[in-house]
N, C-alpha and C. Protein backbone atom coordinates (compact mmCIF):
# COMPACT_ATOMS: atom_id res chain seq x y z
N UNK A 1 38.58 44.56 42.76
CA UNK A 1 37.28 43.92 42.76
C UNK A 1 37.17 43.04 44.00
N UNK A 2 36.05 43.12 44.67
CA UNK A 2 35.86 42.30 45.88
C UNK A 2 35.47 40.87 45.50
N UNK A 3 35.61 39.96 46.46
CA UNK A 3 35.35 38.54 46.20
C UNK A 3 33.91 38.26 45.79
N UNK A 4 32.96 38.94 46.40
CA UNK A 4 31.55 38.70 46.07
C UNK A 4 31.26 39.09 44.61
N UNK A 5 31.80 40.22 44.18
CA UNK A 5 31.60 40.65 42.79
C UNK A 5 32.27 39.68 41.83
N UNK A 6 33.47 39.25 42.15
CA UNK A 6 34.18 38.28 41.31
C UNK A 6 33.38 37.00 41.18
N UNK A 7 32.84 36.51 42.29
CA UNK A 7 32.04 35.29 42.28
C UNK A 7 30.78 35.47 41.43
N UNK A 8 30.13 36.63 41.53
CA UNK A 8 28.94 36.91 40.73
C UNK A 8 29.28 36.93 39.24
N UNK A 9 30.39 37.52 38.89
CA UNK A 9 30.82 37.58 37.49
C UNK A 9 31.16 36.18 36.96
N UNK A 10 31.86 35.40 37.77
CA UNK A 10 32.20 34.04 37.37
C UNK A 10 30.93 33.20 37.18
N UNK A 11 29.98 33.35 38.07
CA UNK A 11 28.73 32.61 37.96
C UNK A 11 27.96 33.03 36.71
N UNK A 12 27.94 34.32 36.44
CA UNK A 12 27.24 34.82 35.25
C UNK A 12 27.91 34.30 33.98
N UNK A 13 29.24 34.26 33.96
CA UNK A 13 29.95 33.74 32.79
C UNK A 13 29.66 32.26 32.61
N UNK A 14 29.61 31.49 33.70
CA UNK A 14 29.27 30.08 33.62
C UNK A 14 27.87 29.90 33.04
N UNK A 15 26.92 30.69 33.54
CA UNK A 15 25.55 30.58 33.03
C UNK A 15 25.48 30.90 31.54
N UNK A 16 26.25 31.89 31.10
CA UNK A 16 26.27 32.22 29.67
C UNK A 16 26.89 31.09 28.85
N UNK A 17 27.94 30.47 29.36
CA UNK A 17 28.55 29.34 28.66
C UNK A 17 27.55 28.20 28.51
N UNK A 18 26.88 27.85 29.59
CA UNK A 18 25.89 26.77 29.55
C UNK A 18 24.76 27.13 28.59
N UNK A 19 24.27 28.35 28.65
CA UNK A 19 23.20 28.79 27.75
C UNK A 19 23.66 28.71 26.30
N UNK A 20 24.87 29.16 26.04
CA UNK A 20 25.41 29.13 24.68
C UNK A 20 25.46 27.70 24.15
N UNK A 21 25.99 26.78 24.96
CA UNK A 21 26.08 25.38 24.53
C UNK A 21 24.70 24.75 24.41
N UNK A 22 23.77 25.16 25.25
CA UNK A 22 22.45 24.57 25.30
C UNK A 22 21.56 25.07 24.15
N UNK A 23 21.59 26.37 23.91
CA UNK A 23 20.62 26.98 23.00
C UNK A 23 21.20 27.45 21.67
N UNK A 24 22.42 27.94 21.70
CA UNK A 24 22.99 28.48 20.46
C UNK A 24 23.80 27.45 19.69
N UNK A 25 24.46 26.53 20.42
CA UNK A 25 25.33 25.55 19.76
C UNK A 25 25.14 24.12 20.23
N UNK A 26 23.89 23.64 20.26
CA UNK A 26 23.70 22.24 20.63
C UNK A 26 24.28 21.29 19.58
N UNK A 27 24.59 21.85 18.40
CA UNK A 27 25.19 21.05 17.33
C UNK A 27 26.65 20.71 17.59
N UNK A 28 27.30 21.46 18.46
CA UNK A 28 28.70 21.19 18.77
C UNK A 28 28.76 19.91 19.60
N UNK A 29 29.44 18.93 19.09
CA UNK A 29 29.50 17.63 19.73
C UNK A 29 30.47 17.64 20.92
N UNK A 30 30.13 16.88 21.95
CA UNK A 30 31.01 16.76 23.11
C UNK A 30 32.39 16.25 22.71
N UNK A 31 32.45 15.33 21.78
CA UNK A 31 33.74 14.78 21.37
C UNK A 31 34.62 15.88 20.77
N UNK A 32 34.01 16.81 20.03
CA UNK A 32 34.77 17.92 19.47
C UNK A 32 35.26 18.87 20.55
N UNK A 33 34.39 19.15 21.53
CA UNK A 33 34.81 19.99 22.66
C UNK A 33 35.98 19.35 23.40
N UNK A 34 35.88 18.06 23.66
CA UNK A 34 36.94 17.37 24.39
C UNK A 34 38.23 17.34 23.58
N UNK A 35 38.12 17.03 22.30
CA UNK A 35 39.31 16.94 21.47
C UNK A 35 40.01 18.28 21.30
N UNK A 36 39.25 19.34 21.22
CA UNK A 36 39.85 20.66 21.03
C UNK A 36 40.15 21.40 22.33
N UNK A 37 39.25 21.28 23.30
CA UNK A 37 39.38 22.07 24.51
C UNK A 37 39.76 21.30 25.76
N UNK A 38 39.70 19.98 25.69
CA UNK A 38 40.04 19.18 26.86
C UNK A 38 38.93 19.10 27.90
N UNK A 39 37.72 19.52 27.52
CA UNK A 39 36.55 19.40 28.41
C UNK A 39 35.32 19.35 27.53
N UNK A 40 34.21 18.90 28.11
CA UNK A 40 32.95 18.86 27.38
C UNK A 40 31.80 19.14 28.35
N UNK A 41 30.60 19.01 27.89
CA UNK A 41 29.44 19.23 28.75
C UNK A 41 29.43 18.26 29.93
N UNK A 42 29.87 17.02 29.70
CA UNK A 42 29.92 16.07 30.80
C UNK A 42 30.92 16.52 31.86
N UNK A 43 32.03 17.09 31.43
CA UNK A 43 33.00 17.63 32.39
C UNK A 43 32.38 18.75 33.21
N UNK A 44 31.70 19.67 32.53
CA UNK A 44 31.04 20.77 33.25
C UNK A 44 30.05 20.24 34.27
N UNK A 45 29.28 19.24 33.89
CA UNK A 45 28.29 18.70 34.84
C UNK A 45 28.98 17.97 35.99
N UNK A 46 30.08 17.28 35.70
CA UNK A 46 30.82 16.59 36.77
C UNK A 46 31.43 17.61 37.73
N UNK A 47 32.00 18.68 37.20
CA UNK A 47 32.56 19.73 38.05
C UNK A 47 31.47 20.35 38.92
N UNK A 48 30.31 20.59 38.34
CA UNK A 48 29.18 21.15 39.08
C UNK A 48 28.79 20.22 40.21
N UNK A 49 28.65 18.94 39.90
CA UNK A 49 28.29 17.94 40.91
C UNK A 49 29.35 17.88 42.01
N UNK A 50 30.61 17.83 41.63
CA UNK A 50 31.69 17.75 42.62
C UNK A 50 31.69 18.97 43.55
N UNK A 51 31.47 20.15 43.01
CA UNK A 51 31.44 21.36 43.83
C UNK A 51 30.22 21.36 44.76
N UNK A 52 29.08 20.90 44.27
CA UNK A 52 27.90 20.80 45.13
C UNK A 52 28.17 19.81 46.26
N UNK A 53 28.67 18.64 45.92
CA UNK A 53 28.96 17.62 46.94
C UNK A 53 29.98 18.11 47.95
N UNK A 54 30.99 18.84 47.50
CA UNK A 54 32.02 19.37 48.40
C UNK A 54 31.44 20.36 49.40
N UNK A 55 30.31 20.97 49.04
CA UNK A 55 29.65 21.93 49.93
C UNK A 55 28.50 21.30 50.71
N UNK A 56 28.44 19.97 50.68
CA UNK A 56 27.41 19.27 51.44
C UNK A 56 26.05 19.22 50.77
N UNK A 57 26.00 19.55 49.49
CA UNK A 57 24.75 19.51 48.74
C UNK A 57 24.73 18.19 47.97
N UNK A 58 23.78 17.34 48.29
CA UNK A 58 23.68 16.05 47.62
C UNK A 58 23.22 16.26 46.19
N UNK A 59 24.02 15.78 45.24
CA UNK A 59 23.66 15.89 43.84
C UNK A 59 24.24 14.69 43.11
N UNK A 60 23.40 14.05 42.30
CA UNK A 60 23.90 12.92 41.53
C UNK A 60 24.26 13.37 40.11
N UNK A 61 24.86 12.45 39.36
CA UNK A 61 25.32 12.74 38.01
C UNK A 61 24.16 13.17 37.11
N UNK A 62 23.03 12.48 37.19
CA UNK A 62 21.90 12.80 36.32
C UNK A 62 21.37 14.21 36.57
N UNK A 63 21.30 14.61 37.84
CA UNK A 63 20.81 15.95 38.17
C UNK A 63 21.76 17.01 37.64
N UNK A 64 23.05 16.80 37.83
CA UNK A 64 24.04 17.76 37.35
C UNK A 64 24.01 17.84 35.82
N UNK A 65 23.88 16.72 35.16
CA UNK A 65 23.83 16.73 33.69
C UNK A 65 22.59 17.47 33.21
N UNK A 66 21.47 17.30 33.88
CA UNK A 66 20.26 18.00 33.45
C UNK A 66 20.42 19.51 33.59
N UNK A 67 21.17 19.96 34.59
CA UNK A 67 21.44 21.39 34.75
C UNK A 67 22.25 21.91 33.56
N UNK A 68 23.26 21.17 33.16
CA UNK A 68 24.14 21.60 32.08
C UNK A 68 23.51 21.41 30.70
N UNK A 69 22.80 20.31 30.51
CA UNK A 69 22.20 20.02 29.21
C UNK A 69 20.84 20.67 29.02
N UNK A 70 20.19 21.07 30.11
CA UNK A 70 18.87 21.68 30.00
C UNK A 70 17.76 20.67 29.77
N UNK A 71 18.08 19.40 29.90
CA UNK A 71 17.12 18.31 29.70
C UNK A 71 17.82 17.04 30.17
N UNK A 72 17.08 15.96 30.33
CA UNK A 72 17.76 14.71 30.68
C UNK A 72 18.81 14.36 29.61
N UNK A 73 19.92 13.81 30.06
CA UNK A 73 21.04 13.50 29.18
C UNK A 73 20.61 12.62 28.01
N UNK A 74 19.82 11.60 28.26
CA UNK A 74 19.38 10.70 27.19
C UNK A 74 18.59 11.44 26.12
N UNK A 75 17.80 12.43 26.52
CA UNK A 75 17.04 13.23 25.56
C UNK A 75 17.99 14.05 24.69
N UNK A 76 19.01 14.65 25.33
CA UNK A 76 19.98 15.45 24.56
C UNK A 76 20.71 14.58 23.55
N UNK A 77 21.14 13.41 23.99
CA UNK A 77 21.85 12.48 23.10
C UNK A 77 20.96 12.14 21.90
N UNK A 78 19.70 11.81 22.15
CA UNK A 78 18.79 11.44 21.07
C UNK A 78 18.56 12.60 20.10
N UNK A 79 18.52 13.81 20.60
CA UNK A 79 18.25 14.98 19.75
C UNK A 79 19.47 15.50 19.01
N UNK A 80 20.65 15.44 19.66
CA UNK A 80 21.79 16.19 19.14
C UNK A 80 23.05 15.39 18.83
N UNK A 81 23.24 14.25 19.45
CA UNK A 81 24.51 13.56 19.29
C UNK A 81 24.56 12.80 17.96
N UNK A 82 25.69 12.92 17.29
CA UNK A 82 25.92 12.20 16.04
C UNK A 82 27.06 11.21 16.24
N UNK A 83 27.17 10.26 15.34
CA UNK A 83 28.23 9.26 15.42
C UNK A 83 29.56 9.90 15.03
N UNK A 84 30.58 9.61 15.82
CA UNK A 84 31.92 10.14 15.55
C UNK A 84 32.70 9.14 14.70
N UNK A 85 33.56 9.68 13.84
CA UNK A 85 34.38 8.79 13.03
C UNK A 85 35.55 8.25 13.85
N UNK A 86 36.27 7.31 13.27
CA UNK A 86 37.37 6.64 13.98
C UNK A 86 38.46 7.63 14.41
N UNK A 87 38.74 8.62 13.59
CA UNK A 87 39.76 9.61 13.94
C UNK A 87 39.39 10.42 15.16
N UNK A 88 38.13 10.85 15.23
CA UNK A 88 37.66 11.61 16.40
C UNK A 88 37.67 10.75 17.65
N UNK A 89 37.29 9.47 17.49
CA UNK A 89 37.28 8.57 18.64
C UNK A 89 38.70 8.34 19.17
N UNK A 90 39.66 8.19 18.27
CA UNK A 90 41.05 8.01 18.69
C UNK A 90 41.58 9.26 19.39
N UNK A 91 41.26 10.43 18.84
CA UNK A 91 41.69 11.69 19.47
C UNK A 91 41.03 11.86 20.84
N UNK A 92 39.78 11.41 20.95
CA UNK A 92 39.08 11.50 22.22
C UNK A 92 39.77 10.66 23.29
N UNK A 93 40.21 9.47 22.95
CA UNK A 93 40.90 8.62 23.91
C UNK A 93 42.11 9.33 24.50
N UNK A 94 42.85 10.02 23.66
CA UNK A 94 44.02 10.77 24.11
C UNK A 94 43.58 11.95 24.97
N UNK A 95 42.62 12.73 24.48
CA UNK A 95 42.15 13.91 25.21
C UNK A 95 41.57 13.53 26.56
N UNK A 96 40.80 12.46 26.59
CA UNK A 96 40.19 12.02 27.85
C UNK A 96 41.28 11.61 28.84
N UNK A 97 42.23 10.83 28.37
CA UNK A 97 43.31 10.38 29.23
C UNK A 97 44.11 11.58 29.78
N UNK A 98 44.42 12.54 28.92
CA UNK A 98 45.23 13.68 29.32
C UNK A 98 44.47 14.70 30.18
N UNK A 99 43.18 14.85 29.95
CA UNK A 99 42.44 15.92 30.61
C UNK A 99 41.50 15.46 31.71
N UNK A 100 41.08 14.23 31.68
CA UNK A 100 40.15 13.76 32.70
C UNK A 100 40.85 12.77 33.63
N UNK A 101 41.40 11.73 33.07
CA UNK A 101 42.03 10.70 33.89
C UNK A 101 43.22 11.26 34.66
N UNK A 102 44.14 11.95 33.97
CA UNK A 102 45.32 12.51 34.62
C UNK A 102 44.96 13.66 35.55
N UNK A 103 43.92 14.42 35.20
CA UNK A 103 43.51 15.55 36.03
C UNK A 103 43.01 15.10 37.39
N UNK A 104 42.40 13.92 37.45
CA UNK A 104 41.90 13.41 38.71
C UNK A 104 43.04 12.94 39.62
N UNK A 105 44.11 12.47 39.03
CA UNK A 105 45.21 11.89 39.80
C UNK A 105 46.10 12.87 40.41
């Protein structure tokens, strides 16, 4: 497979993932994604922003989040986010430290 085809397939898979999270499973909480998978919608938007910035495309956090969430982040939170219990919050602290904080270093 050539590089252009691979890139097209990767981009299509990313778009399907975002669509799935946006339209089919908005009920899946970010904290659950982070606790189970080590990433969440915020991670996807941060990665998107970082890749845009690395290519000289100015993009802020809010713009990247709107691409991934399909709406302003505050709107998504108001519509879909639920309160997490203490156990999920504690697991999130570990997952965030292991997957976000350490990944940056």
